[in-house]
Amino acid sequence: MLHAIVLTLRSLAMPKTTWLVTLLASAGAVPQIDLFEMTDAQWEGGLAPKLHGARRLTIAAWTALKAAQGSVVLMSGNSALFPKAPYAGVGTINAAIVALAKAFSDRGIADGVQVNSVLPGPVMTGRRRSYLQHWAPLHNMTVEEATANFPKEAGIARYGEPEEIAELMAFLVSPGARWMTGSALRMDGGEVKSV
């Protein structure tokens, strides 16, 4: 299911010079299934809400975004930078989100719409907890052990918090970042070691 938050839509209540339209799109979960085990239906199930949902929502909002000289932030994930066979769908679809945001930003330059993407790493959300509950028994661990071990194995000090990602997204749509467009910003506690 697509979760989209329209942070601010003041076009009806404020003078045109202060219009601000912001669209943050974060879509559903992509199955974490091995490359050779993931079915076409599972691929489509991941593509539909995350890629196509973000695309459709952005296109539907584009006229208002253009009129307001607004901003869009699409949520990807740092697996876009290091896709792995055990969860190939996640990395592949996240990479497609980054490319989609870049394509929208290209159009946005002419239309006055700022578009970026955010690539969070391991953030402690309900989805992360669910993943750990599934993963732990497969590796002969308790959920508590798996939760404690993952940051060490990932080479990070701790899990990220949803609020930290929200603060990054808030900055991206703030006046201080207005010239930033077409960027993919990674916030992952240092998990991705490449430059």
C-alpha atoms as a PDB file:
ATOM      1  CA  MET A   1       0.000   0.000   0.000  1.00  0.00           C
ATOM      2  CA  LEU A   2       1.321   3.405  -0.927  1.00  0.00           C
ATOM      3  CA  HIS A   3       1.906   5.739   1.964  1.00  0.00           C
ATOM      4  CA  ALA A   4       2.118   9.296   0.769  1.00  0.00           C
ATOM      5  CA  ILE A   5       2.237  12.302   2.960  1.00  0.00           C
ATOM      6  CA  VAL A   6       1.437  15.711   1.641  1.00  0.00           C
ATOM      7  CA  LEU A   7       3.297  17.704   4.270  1.00  0.00           C
ATOM      8  CA  THR A   8       2.125  21.130   3.307  1.00  0.00           C
ATOM      9  CA  LEU A   9      -0.463  22.263   0.814  1.00  0.00           C
ATOM     10  CA  ARG A  10      -1.099  25.902   1.481  1.00  0.00           C
ATOM     11  CA  SER A  11      -2.068  26.943  -2.019  1.00  0.00           C
ATOM     12  CA  LEU A  12      -5.661  27.720  -0.996  1.00  0.00           C
ATOM     13  CA  ALA A  13      -4.902  29.592   2.214  1.00  0.00           C
ATOM     14  CA  MET A  14      -1.801  31.615   1.349  1.00  0.00           C
ATOM     15  CA  PRO A  15      -0.831  34.132  -1.303  1.00  0.00           C
ATOM     16  CA  LYS A  16       0.700  32.661  -4.450  1.00  0.00           C
ATOM     17  CA  THR A  17       4.157  33.934  -3.512  1.00  0.00           C
ATOM     18  CA  THR A  18       4.227  31.648  -0.483  1.00  0.00           C
ATOM     19  CA  TRP A  19       2.770  28.482  -1.967  1.00  0.00           C
ATOM     20  CA  LEU A  20       4.526  25.381  -0.844  1.00  0.00           C
ATOM     21  CA  VAL A  21       3.615  21.928  -2.004  1.00  0.00           C
ATOM     22  CA  THR A  22       5.651  19.024  -0.728  1.00  0.00           C
ATOM     23  CA  LEU A  23       5.133  15.410  -1.658  1.00  0.00           C
ATOM     24  CA  LEU A  24       6.941  12.660   0.231  1.00  0.00           C
ATOM     25  CA  ALA A  25       6.360   9.201  -1.201  1.00  0.00           C
ATOM     26  CA  SER A  26       7.247   6.056   0.687  1.00  0.00           C
ATOM     27  CA  ALA A  27       5.773   2.868  -0.657  1.00  0.00           C
ATOM     28  CA  GLY A  28       5.185  -0.662   0.557  1.00  0.00           C
ATOM     29  CA  ALA A  29       7.543  -3.504   1.221  1.00  0.00           C
ATOM     30  CA  VAL A  30       9.420  -5.426  -1.440  1.00  0.00           C
ATOM     31  CA  PRO A  31       9.739  -9.141  -0.653  1.00  0.00           C
ATOM     32  CA  GLN A  32      13.149 -10.144   0.681  1.00  0.00           C
ATOM     33  CA  ILE A  33      13.441 -13.321  -1.357  1.00  0.00           C
ATOM     34  CA  ASP A  34      16.414 -14.870  -3.126  1.00  0.00           C
ATOM     35  CA  LEU A  35      16.946 -13.917  -6.762  1.00  0.00           C
ATOM     36  CA  PHE A  36      16.295 -17.465  -8.000  1.00  0.00           C
ATOM     37  CA  GLU A  37      13.266 -18.046  -5.780  1.00  0.00           C
ATOM     38  CA  MET A  38      11.322 -14.822  -6.345  1.00  0.00           C
ATOM     39  CA  THR A  39       8.345 -15.358  -8.670  1.00  0.00           C
ATOM     40  CA  ASP A  40       7.096 -12.940 -11.308  1.00  0.00           C
ATOM     41  CA  ALA A  41       4.080 -12.250  -9.102  1.00  0.00           C
ATOM     42  CA  GLN A  42       6.375 -11.335  -6.193  1.00  0.00           C
ATOM     43  CA  TRP A  43       8.411  -9.033  -8.434  1.00  0.00           C
ATOM     44  CA  GLU A  44       5.211  -7.363  -9.631  1.00  0.00           C
ATOM     45  CA  GLY A  45       3.960  -7.168  -6.057  1.00  0.00           C
ATOM     46  CA  GLY A  46       7.067  -5.197  -5.125  1.00  0.00           C
ATOM     47  CA  LEU A  47       7.054  -3.003  -8.224  1.00  0.00           C
ATOM     48  CA  ALA A  48       3.378  -2.063  -8.050  1.00  0.00           C
ATOM     49  CA  PRO A  49       3.302  -0.081  -4.807  1.00  0.00           C
ATOM     50  CA  LYS A  50       6.888   1.128  -4.583  1.00  0.00           C
ATOM     51  CA  LEU A  51       7.864   2.084  -8.129  1.00  0.00           C
ATOM     52  CA  HIS A  52       4.558   2.464  -9.927  1.00  0.00           C
ATOM     53  CA  GLY A  53       2.848   3.952  -6.877  1.00  0.00           C
ATOM     54  CA  ALA A  54       5.507   6.653  -6.493  1.00  0.00           C
ATOM     55  CA  ARG A  55       5.427   7.321 -10.246  1.00  0.00           C
ATOM     56  CA  ARG A  56       1.639   7.583 -10.413  1.00  0.00           C
ATOM     57  CA  LEU A  57       1.414   9.759  -7.318  1.00  0.00           C
ATOM     58  CA  THR A  58       4.106  12.149  -8.550  1.00  0.00           C
ATOM     59  CA  ILE A  59       2.506  12.432 -11.983  1.00  0.00           C
ATOM     60  CA  ALA A  60      -0.915  13.059 -10.407  1.00  0.00           C
ATOM     61  CA  ALA A  61       0.528  15.827  -8.210  1.00  0.00           C
ATOM     62  CA  TRP A  62       2.812  17.343 -10.882  1.00  0.00           C
ATOM     63  CA  THR A  63       0.460  20.121 -12.016  1.00  0.00           C
ATOM     64  CA  ALA A  64       0.052  21.368  -8.439  1.00  0.00           C
ATOM     65  CA  LEU A  65       3.762  20.928  -7.757  1.00  0.00           C
ATOM     66  CA  LYS A  66       4.615  22.886 -10.909  1.00  0.00           C
ATOM     67  CA  ALA A  67       2.193  25.701 -10.055  1.00  0.00           C
ATOM     68  CA  ALA A  68       3.607  25.929  -6.533  1.00  0.00           C
ATOM     69  CA  GLN A  69       7.268  25.377  -7.495  1.00  0.00           C
ATOM     70  CA  GLY A  70       7.109  22.500  -5.035  1.00  0.00           C
ATOM     71  CA  SER A  71       9.261  19.606  -3.918  1.00  0.00           C
ATOM     72  CA  VAL A  72       9.153  15.818  -4.152  1.00  0.00           C
ATOM     73  CA  VAL A  73      11.174  13.312  -2.133  1.00  0.00           C
ATOM     74  CA  LEU A  74      10.969   9.644  -3.119  1.00  0.00           C
ATOM     75  CA  MET A  75      12.011   7.015  -0.583  1.00  0.00           C
ATOM     76  CA  SER A  76      14.433   4.398  -1.855  1.00  0.00           C
ATOM     77  CA  GLY A  77      16.935   2.489   0.277  1.00  0.00           C
ATOM     78  CA  ASN A  78      20.680   2.008   0.484  1.00  0.00           C
ATOM     79  CA  SER A  79      20.358  -1.488  -1.016  1.00  0.00           C
ATOM     80  CA  ALA A  80      20.077   0.367  -4.341  1.00  0.00           C
ATOM     81  CA  LEU A  81      23.856   0.773  -4.058  1.00  0.00           C
ATOM     82  CA  PHE A  82      24.709  -2.821  -3.148  1.00  0.00           C
ATOM     83  CA  PRO A  83      22.100  -5.290  -4.425  1.00  0.00           C
ATOM     84  CA  LYS A  84      22.552  -8.827  -3.093  1.00  0.00           C
ATOM     85  CA  ALA A  85      21.170 -12.111  -4.425  1.00  0.00           C
ATOM     86  CA  PRO A  86      19.299 -13.041  -1.203  1.00  0.00           C
ATOM     87  CA  TYR A  87      17.131  -9.912  -1.515  1.00  0.00           C
ATOM     88  CA  ALA A  88      17.592  -8.917  -5.161  1.00  0.00           C
ATOM     89  CA  GLY A  89      14.109  -7.420  -5.516  1.00  0.00           C
ATOM     90  CA  VAL A  90      14.759  -4.880  -2.764  1.00  0.00           C
ATOM     91  CA  GLY A  91      17.983  -3.539  -4.297  1.00  0.00           C
ATOM     92  CA  THR A  92      16.676  -3.602  -7.855  1.00  0.00           C
ATOM     93  CA  ILE A  93      13.449  -1.751  -7.092  1.00  0.00           C
ATOM     94  CA  ASN A  94      15.273   0.740  -4.843  1.00  0.00           C
ATOM     95  CA  ALA A  95      17.693   1.467  -7.700  1.00  0.00           C
ATOM     96  CA  ALA A  96      14.696   2.027  -9.988  1.00  0.00           C
ATOM     97  CA  ILE A  97      13.273   4.549  -7.486  1.00  0.00           C
ATOM     98  CA  VAL A  98      16.562   6.497  -7.576  1.00  0.00           C
ATOM     99  CA  ALA A  99      16.460   6.505 -11.395  1.00  0.00           C
ATOM    100  CA  LEU A 100      12.798   7.555 -11.370  1.00  0.00           C
ATOM    101  CA  ALA A 101      13.554  10.482  -9.048  1.00  0.00           C
ATOM    102  CA  LYS A 102      16.435  11.503 -11.313  1.00  0.00           C
ATOM    103  CA  ALA A 103      14.131  11.423 -14.357  1.00  0.00           C
ATOM    104  CA  PHE A 104      11.508  13.523 -12.548  1.00  0.00           C
ATOM    105  CA  SER A 105      14.231  15.960 -11.467  1.00  0.00           C
ATOM    106  CA  ASP A 106      15.252  16.372 -15.104  1.00  0.00           C
ATOM    107  CA  ARG A 107      11.702  17.441 -15.966  1.00  0.00           C
ATOM    108  CA  GLY A 108      11.526  19.421 -12.739  1.00  0.00           C
ATOM    109  CA  ILE A 109      14.381  21.698 -13.787  1.00  0.00           C
ATOM    110  CA  ALA A 110      12.216  23.102 -16.588  1.00  0.00           C
ATOM    111  CA  ASP A 111       9.011  22.971 -14.535  1.00  0.00           C
ATOM    112  CA  GLY A 112      10.429  24.427 -11.308  1.00  0.00           C
ATOM    113  CA  VAL A 113       9.861  21.274  -9.243  1.00  0.00           C
ATOM    114  CA  GLN A 114      12.639  20.041  -6.976  1.00  0.00           C
ATOM    115  CA  VAL A 115      12.953  16.227  -6.866  1.00  0.00           C
ATOM    116  CA  ASN A 116      15.339  14.128  -4.767  1.00  0.00           C
ATOM    117  CA  SER A 117      15.496  10.646  -3.310  1.00  0.00           C
ATOM    118  CA  VAL A 118      16.525   9.371   0.106  1.00  0.00           C
ATOM    119  CA  LEU A 119      18.303   6.050   0.638  1.00  0.00           C
ATOM    120  CA  PRO A 120      17.990   5.062   4.291  1.00  0.00           C
ATOM    121  CA  GLY A 121      19.882   2.140   5.747  1.00  0.00           C
ATOM    122  CA  PRO A 122      18.733  -0.053   8.628  1.00  0.00           C
ATOM    123  CA  VAL A 123      16.072   1.978  10.415  1.00  0.00           C
ATOM    124  CA  MET A 124      14.187   0.402  13.314  1.00  0.00           C
ATOM    125  CA  THR A 125      10.643   0.277  11.998  1.00  0.00           C
ATOM    126  CA  GLY A 126       7.863  -2.258  12.207  1.00  0.00           C
ATOM    127  CA  ARG A 127       9.123  -3.748   8.946  1.00  0.00           C
ATOM    128  CA  ARG A 128      12.629  -4.150  10.387  1.00  0.00           C
ATOM    129  CA  ARG A 129      11.193  -5.839  13.506  1.00  0.00           C
ATOM    130  CA  SER A 130       9.144  -8.190  11.340  1.00  0.00           C
ATOM    131  CA  TYR A 131      12.223  -9.044   9.267  1.00  0.00           C
ATOM    132  CA  LEU A 132      14.245  -9.808  12.420  1.00  0.00           C
ATOM    133  CA  GLN A 133      11.437 -12.013  13.764  1.00  0.00           C
ATOM    134  CA  HIS A 134      11.553 -14.024  10.536  1.00  0.00           C
ATOM    135  CA  TRP A 135      15.349 -14.031  10.190  1.00  0.00           C
ATOM    136  CA  ALA A 136      16.328 -14.912  13.777  1.00  0.00           C
ATOM    137  CA  PRO A 137      14.953 -18.482  13.947  1.00  0.00           C
ATOM    138  CA  LEU A 138      16.435 -19.287  10.540  1.00  0.00           C
ATOM    139  CA  HIS A 139      19.856 -18.504  12.026  1.00  0.00           C
ATOM    140  CA  ASN A 140      19.310 -20.192  15.410  1.00  0.00           C
ATOM    141  CA  MET A 141      19.049 -16.906  17.293  1.00  0.00           C
ATOM    142  CA  THR A 142      16.476 -15.224  19.416  1.00  0.00           C
ATOM    143  CA  VAL A 143      14.964 -12.037  18.048  1.00  0.00           C
ATOM    144  CA  GLU A 144      16.804 -10.133  20.775  1.00  0.00           C
ATOM    145  CA  GLU A 145      20.142 -11.652  19.710  1.00  0.00           C
ATOM    146  CA  ALA A 146      19.486 -10.925  16.045  1.00  0.00           C
ATOM    147  CA  THR A 147      18.458  -7.355  16.875  1.00  0.00           C
ATOM    148  CA  ALA A 148      21.625  -6.803  18.904  1.00  0.00           C
ATOM    149  CA  ASN A 149      23.959  -8.529  16.404  1.00  0.00           C
ATOM    150  CA  PHE A 150      22.810  -6.871  13.196  1.00  0.00           C
ATOM    151  CA  PRO A 151      24.391  -3.426  13.737  1.00  0.00           C
ATOM    152  CA  LYS A 152      27.766  -5.046  14.530  1.00  0.00           C
ATOM    153  CA  GLU A 153      27.577  -7.252  11.427  1.00  0.00           C
ATOM    154  CA  ALA A 154      26.525  -4.288   9.286  1.00  0.00           C
ATOM    155  CA  GLY A 155      29.411  -2.196  10.622  1.00  0.00           C
ATOM    156  CA  ILE A 156      27.219   0.480  12.180  1.00  0.00           C
ATOM    157  CA  ALA A 157      26.910   1.728  15.743  1.00  0.00           C
ATOM    158  CA  ARG A 158      23.111   1.454  15.938  1.00  0.00           C
ATOM    159  CA  TYR A 159      19.868   1.349  13.999  1.00  0.00           C
ATOM    160  CA  GLY A 160      18.537   4.578  12.587  1.00  0.00           C
ATOM    161  CA  GLU A 161      15.300   6.073  13.874  1.00  0.00           C
ATOM    162  CA  PRO A 162      12.389   7.046  11.604  1.00  0.00           C
ATOM    163  CA  GLU A 163      12.581  10.584  12.977  1.00  0.00           C
ATOM    164  CA  GLU A 164      16.137  10.929  11.664  1.00  0.00           C
ATOM    165  CA  ILE A 165      14.999  10.092   8.144  1.00  0.00           C
ATOM    166  CA  ALA A 166      12.059  12.493   8.531  1.00  0.00           C
ATOM    167  CA  GLU A 167      14.460  15.274   9.554  1.00  0.00           C
ATOM    168  CA  LEU A 168      16.570  14.658   6.436  1.00  0.00           C
ATOM    169  CA  MET A 169      13.457  14.763   4.271  1.00  0.00           C
ATOM    170  CA  ALA A 170      12.314  17.965   5.999  1.00  0.00           C
ATOM    171  CA  PHE A 171      15.676  19.548   5.202  1.00  0.00           C
ATOM    172  CA  LEU A 172      15.393  18.498   1.546  1.00  0.00           C
ATOM    173  CA  VAL A 173      12.143  20.430   1.170  1.00  0.00           C
ATOM    174  CA  SER A 174      13.325  23.433   3.165  1.00  0.00           C
ATOM    175  CA  PRO A 175      14.507  26.716   1.635  1.00  0.00           C
ATOM    176  CA  GLY A 176      18.085  25.778   2.630  1.00  0.00           C
ATOM    177  CA  ALA A 177      18.067  22.902   0.129  1.00  0.00           C
ATOM    178  CA  ARG A 178      16.104  24.568  -2.670  1.00  0.00           C
ATOM    179  CA  TRP A 179      19.002  24.361  -5.148  1.00  0.00           C
ATOM    180  CA  MET A 180      19.446  20.647  -4.465  1.00  0.00           C
ATOM    181  CA  THR A 181      17.648  18.582  -7.073  1.00  0.00           C
ATOM    182  CA  GLY A 182      18.351  15.239  -8.704  1.00  0.00           C
ATOM    183  CA  SER A 183      20.282  14.082  -5.653  1.00  0.00           C
ATOM    184  CA  ALA A 184      20.148  10.687  -3.977  1.00  0.00           C
ATOM    185  CA  LEU A 185      21.013  11.137  -0.316  1.00  0.00           C
ATOM    186  CA  ARG A 186      22.108   8.118   1.684  1.00  0.00           C
ATOM    187  CA  MET A 187      21.607   8.078   5.469  1.00  0.00           C
ATOM    188  CA  ASP A 188      22.683   4.686   6.798  1.00  0.00           C
ATOM    189  CA  GLY A 189      24.989   5.132   9.773  1.00  0.00           C
ATOM    190  CA  GLY A 190      27.974   4.277   7.572  1.00  0.00           C
ATOM    191  CA  GLU A 191      26.734   0.855   6.417  1.00  0.00           C
ATOM    192  CA  VAL A 192      27.737   1.451   2.792  1.00  0.00           C
ATOM    193  CA  LYS A 193      31.526   1.766   2.866  1.00  0.00           C
ATOM    194  CA  SER A 194      32.063   2.934  -0.724  1.00  0.00           C
ATOM    195  CA  VAL A 195      32.271   6.562  -1.754  1.00  0.00           C
END
